[in-house]
N, C-alpha and C. Protein backbone atom coordinates (compact mmCIF):
# COMPACT_ATOMS: atom_id res chain seq x y z
N MET A 1 92.54 59.75 -22.49
CA MET A 1 92.25 58.42 -23.00
C MET A 1 92.06 58.53 -24.51
N GLY A 2 92.60 57.58 -25.23
CA GLY A 2 92.53 57.61 -26.68
C GLY A 2 91.34 56.87 -27.26
N LEU A 3 90.42 56.39 -26.44
CA LEU A 3 89.27 55.65 -26.91
C LEU A 3 88.00 56.28 -26.36
N LYS A 4 87.07 56.60 -27.24
CA LYS A 4 85.80 57.21 -26.84
C LYS A 4 84.69 56.19 -27.07
N PRO A 5 83.95 55.79 -26.03
CA PRO A 5 82.87 54.82 -26.22
C PRO A 5 81.70 55.44 -26.98
N LEU A 6 81.04 54.62 -27.76
CA LEU A 6 79.89 55.06 -28.55
C LEU A 6 78.58 54.69 -27.86
N HIS A 7 77.53 55.40 -28.22
CA HIS A 7 76.16 55.13 -27.79
C HIS A 7 76.06 55.03 -26.26
N ASP A 8 75.58 53.88 -25.76
CA ASP A 8 75.38 53.72 -24.31
C ASP A 8 76.47 52.86 -23.68
N ARG A 9 77.64 52.85 -24.23
CA ARG A 9 78.75 52.04 -23.71
C ARG A 9 79.57 52.85 -22.70
N VAL A 10 80.18 52.12 -21.76
CA VAL A 10 81.08 52.74 -20.78
C VAL A 10 82.38 51.94 -20.74
N ILE A 11 83.47 52.61 -20.42
CA ILE A 11 84.75 51.96 -20.23
C ILE A 11 85.04 52.00 -18.73
N VAL A 12 85.32 50.81 -18.18
CA VAL A 12 85.48 50.65 -16.74
C VAL A 12 86.85 50.08 -16.42
N GLN A 13 87.48 50.62 -15.38
CA GLN A 13 88.71 50.04 -14.86
C GLN A 13 88.35 49.35 -13.55
N ARG A 14 88.60 48.03 -13.49
CA ARG A 14 88.26 47.26 -12.30
C ARG A 14 89.06 47.75 -11.10
N LYS A 15 88.43 47.70 -9.92
CA LYS A 15 89.14 48.05 -8.68
C LYS A 15 90.04 46.89 -8.31
N GLU A 16 91.14 47.21 -7.66
CA GLU A 16 92.10 46.18 -7.25
C GLU A 16 91.52 45.32 -6.13
N GLU A 17 91.76 44.03 -6.22
CA GLU A 17 91.31 43.08 -5.21
C GLU A 17 92.28 43.10 -4.03
N GLU A 18 91.76 42.90 -2.83
CA GLU A 18 92.60 42.86 -1.63
C GLU A 18 93.48 41.62 -1.65
N ASP A 19 94.71 41.75 -1.12
CA ASP A 19 95.65 40.63 -1.08
C ASP A 19 95.45 39.73 0.13
N ARG A 20 94.72 40.21 1.12
CA ARG A 20 94.49 39.39 2.30
C ARG A 20 93.11 39.67 2.90
N THR A 21 92.66 38.74 3.73
CA THR A 21 91.35 38.88 4.36
C THR A 21 91.43 39.81 5.55
N ALA A 22 90.29 40.09 6.16
CA ALA A 22 90.25 40.96 7.33
C ALA A 22 91.00 40.33 8.51
N GLY A 23 91.08 39.00 8.53
CA GLY A 23 91.79 38.30 9.59
C GLY A 23 93.29 38.23 9.37
N GLY A 24 93.79 38.71 8.22
CA GLY A 24 95.21 38.75 7.95
C GLY A 24 95.75 37.60 7.12
N ILE A 25 94.86 36.74 6.62
CA ILE A 25 95.29 35.61 5.79
C ILE A 25 95.50 36.09 4.36
N TYR A 26 96.67 35.78 3.79
CA TYR A 26 96.96 36.18 2.41
C TYR A 26 96.26 35.27 1.43
N ILE A 27 95.70 35.85 0.38
CA ILE A 27 94.99 35.11 -0.65
C ILE A 27 95.91 34.97 -1.86
N PRO A 28 96.18 33.73 -2.31
CA PRO A 28 97.03 33.56 -3.49
C PRO A 28 96.31 34.00 -4.76
N ASP A 29 97.08 34.38 -5.78
CA ASP A 29 96.50 34.85 -7.03
C ASP A 29 95.59 33.81 -7.67
N SER A 30 95.89 32.55 -7.51
CA SER A 30 95.08 31.49 -8.13
C SER A 30 93.69 31.37 -7.50
N ALA A 31 93.51 31.88 -6.29
CA ALA A 31 92.23 31.79 -5.60
C ALA A 31 91.39 33.06 -5.73
N LYS A 32 91.95 34.09 -6.32
CA LYS A 32 91.23 35.36 -6.44
C LYS A 32 90.26 35.32 -7.61
N GLU A 33 89.14 36.00 -7.44
CA GLU A 33 88.20 36.22 -8.52
C GLU A 33 88.32 37.66 -8.98
N LYS A 34 87.95 37.92 -10.22
CA LYS A 34 88.00 39.29 -10.71
C LYS A 34 86.94 40.11 -9.99
N PRO A 35 87.28 41.32 -9.58
CA PRO A 35 86.29 42.15 -8.89
C PRO A 35 85.15 42.55 -9.82
N GLN A 36 83.97 42.72 -9.24
CA GLN A 36 82.80 43.10 -10.01
C GLN A 36 82.46 44.56 -9.83
N ASN A 37 83.41 45.34 -9.36
CA ASN A 37 83.19 46.77 -9.25
C ASN A 37 84.37 47.51 -9.84
N GLY A 38 84.12 48.74 -10.22
CA GLY A 38 85.17 49.53 -10.83
C GLY A 38 84.76 50.97 -10.99
N ILE A 39 85.63 51.74 -11.60
CA ILE A 39 85.39 53.16 -11.82
C ILE A 39 85.22 53.41 -13.31
N ILE A 40 84.25 54.23 -13.65
CA ILE A 40 84.00 54.56 -15.06
C ILE A 40 85.06 55.56 -15.53
N ILE A 41 85.81 55.15 -16.54
CA ILE A 41 86.85 56.01 -17.12
C ILE A 41 86.25 56.91 -18.19
N ALA A 42 85.32 56.37 -18.99
CA ALA A 42 84.68 57.16 -20.04
C ALA A 42 83.27 56.61 -20.26
N ALA A 43 82.31 57.50 -20.50
CA ALA A 43 80.93 57.12 -20.77
C ALA A 43 80.51 57.68 -22.12
N GLY A 44 79.73 56.89 -22.85
CA GLY A 44 79.25 57.31 -24.16
C GLY A 44 78.22 58.43 -24.05
N PRO A 45 77.90 59.08 -25.17
CA PRO A 45 77.00 60.23 -25.16
C PRO A 45 75.55 59.89 -24.81
N GLU A 46 75.14 58.63 -24.97
CA GLU A 46 73.75 58.26 -24.68
C GLU A 46 73.56 57.67 -23.29
N CYS A 47 74.58 57.70 -22.44
CA CYS A 47 74.45 57.21 -21.06
C CYS A 47 73.66 58.22 -20.25
N LYS A 48 72.58 57.74 -19.61
CA LYS A 48 71.70 58.65 -18.89
C LYS A 48 71.88 58.60 -17.37
N THR A 49 72.32 57.46 -16.84
CA THR A 49 72.35 57.31 -15.39
C THR A 49 73.74 57.33 -14.78
N VAL A 50 74.78 57.20 -15.58
CA VAL A 50 76.15 57.20 -15.05
C VAL A 50 77.00 58.21 -15.79
N GLN A 51 78.12 58.58 -15.16
CA GLN A 51 79.05 59.53 -15.78
C GLN A 51 80.47 59.16 -15.40
N ASP A 52 81.43 59.81 -15.99
CA ASP A 52 82.83 59.55 -15.70
C ASP A 52 83.10 59.73 -14.20
N GLY A 53 83.88 58.81 -13.63
CA GLY A 53 84.24 58.91 -12.23
C GLY A 53 83.33 58.16 -11.28
N ASP A 54 82.16 57.69 -11.73
CA ASP A 54 81.26 56.93 -10.86
C ASP A 54 81.87 55.57 -10.55
N ILE A 55 81.68 55.10 -9.33
CA ILE A 55 82.10 53.76 -8.93
C ILE A 55 80.87 52.87 -9.02
N ILE A 56 80.99 51.79 -9.80
CA ILE A 56 79.82 50.98 -10.13
C ILE A 56 80.02 49.51 -9.75
N LEU A 57 78.90 48.80 -9.68
CA LEU A 57 78.86 47.35 -9.53
C LEU A 57 78.27 46.81 -10.82
N PHE A 58 78.92 45.79 -11.40
CA PHE A 58 78.42 45.26 -12.67
C PHE A 58 78.37 43.74 -12.63
N ALA A 59 77.66 43.16 -13.60
CA ALA A 59 77.48 41.71 -13.67
C ALA A 59 78.81 41.00 -13.86
N LYS A 60 78.91 39.78 -13.36
CA LYS A 60 80.17 39.04 -13.33
C LYS A 60 80.78 38.85 -14.72
N TYR A 61 79.98 38.51 -15.71
CA TYR A 61 80.50 38.26 -17.05
C TYR A 61 80.13 39.37 -18.03
N ALA A 62 79.98 40.58 -17.53
CA ALA A 62 79.57 41.72 -18.37
C ALA A 62 80.73 42.24 -19.20
N GLY A 63 80.40 42.68 -20.39
CA GLY A 63 81.36 43.40 -21.23
C GLY A 63 82.46 42.57 -21.85
N SER A 64 83.37 43.29 -22.49
CA SER A 64 84.52 42.70 -23.17
C SER A 64 85.78 43.32 -22.59
N GLU A 65 86.74 42.47 -22.23
CA GLU A 65 87.98 42.95 -21.66
C GLU A 65 88.98 43.29 -22.76
N PHE A 66 89.78 44.33 -22.52
CA PHE A 66 90.85 44.70 -23.43
C PHE A 66 91.91 45.45 -22.63
N SER A 67 93.09 45.58 -23.20
CA SER A 67 94.13 46.34 -22.50
C SER A 67 94.54 47.53 -23.36
N MET A 68 94.85 48.63 -22.66
CA MET A 68 95.23 49.86 -23.33
C MET A 68 96.23 50.60 -22.44
N ASP A 69 97.37 50.92 -22.99
CA ASP A 69 98.42 51.62 -22.24
C ASP A 69 98.80 50.87 -20.97
N GLY A 70 98.78 49.55 -21.00
CA GLY A 70 99.16 48.74 -19.85
C GLY A 70 98.07 48.54 -18.82
N ASP A 71 96.89 49.12 -19.01
CA ASP A 71 95.77 48.97 -18.08
C ASP A 71 94.79 47.95 -18.63
N GLU A 72 94.26 47.11 -17.73
CA GLU A 72 93.21 46.16 -18.10
C GLU A 72 91.87 46.86 -17.92
N LEU A 73 91.11 46.99 -19.00
CA LEU A 73 89.84 47.70 -18.98
C LEU A 73 88.72 46.80 -19.47
N VAL A 74 87.48 47.22 -19.21
CA VAL A 74 86.29 46.51 -19.66
C VAL A 74 85.38 47.52 -20.34
N ILE A 75 84.85 47.16 -21.51
CA ILE A 75 83.85 48.01 -22.16
C ILE A 75 82.53 47.25 -22.12
N MET A 76 81.47 47.94 -21.68
CA MET A 76 80.17 47.28 -21.53
C MET A 76 79.04 48.26 -21.80
N ARG A 77 77.85 47.70 -21.96
CA ARG A 77 76.65 48.53 -22.12
C ARG A 77 76.22 49.08 -20.76
N GLU A 78 75.53 50.18 -20.78
CA GLU A 78 75.02 50.76 -19.55
C GLU A 78 74.05 49.80 -18.87
N ASP A 79 73.35 48.96 -19.63
CA ASP A 79 72.41 47.99 -19.08
C ASP A 79 73.08 46.93 -18.20
N ASP A 80 74.38 46.69 -18.40
CA ASP A 80 75.09 45.68 -17.61
C ASP A 80 75.47 46.19 -16.22
N ILE A 81 75.26 47.47 -15.97
CA ILE A 81 75.60 48.06 -14.67
C ILE A 81 74.43 47.76 -13.70
N LEU A 82 74.78 47.18 -12.54
CA LEU A 82 73.77 46.81 -11.57
C LEU A 82 73.47 47.92 -10.57
N GLY A 83 74.46 48.77 -10.30
CA GLY A 83 74.24 49.85 -9.35
C GLY A 83 75.43 50.79 -9.29
N VAL A 84 75.19 51.96 -8.70
CA VAL A 84 76.22 52.98 -8.53
C VAL A 84 76.40 53.20 -7.02
N PHE A 85 77.67 53.16 -6.57
CA PHE A 85 77.93 53.41 -5.15
C PHE A 85 77.76 54.90 -4.86
N ALA A 86 77.10 55.19 -3.75
CA ALA A 86 76.84 56.58 -3.38
C ALA A 86 78.01 57.18 -2.64
């Protein structure tokens, strides 16, 4: 990755949303919401509770979105992370 987060910031790649429900009904793109979980691609040097590769849950409007190398990423503070999946 060509971007290194500073301080307590993390770079997150959102997990892909499912295209259909458990019952088999397809969800159109217009009805989908952005997922609130993702994987940490890079963590800043002052991050104490998370590290690269952790799968996290974060606040709905947390961070700033940007694209890099064709990937949609989010950069946010460690404080915006609500939990880490075990």
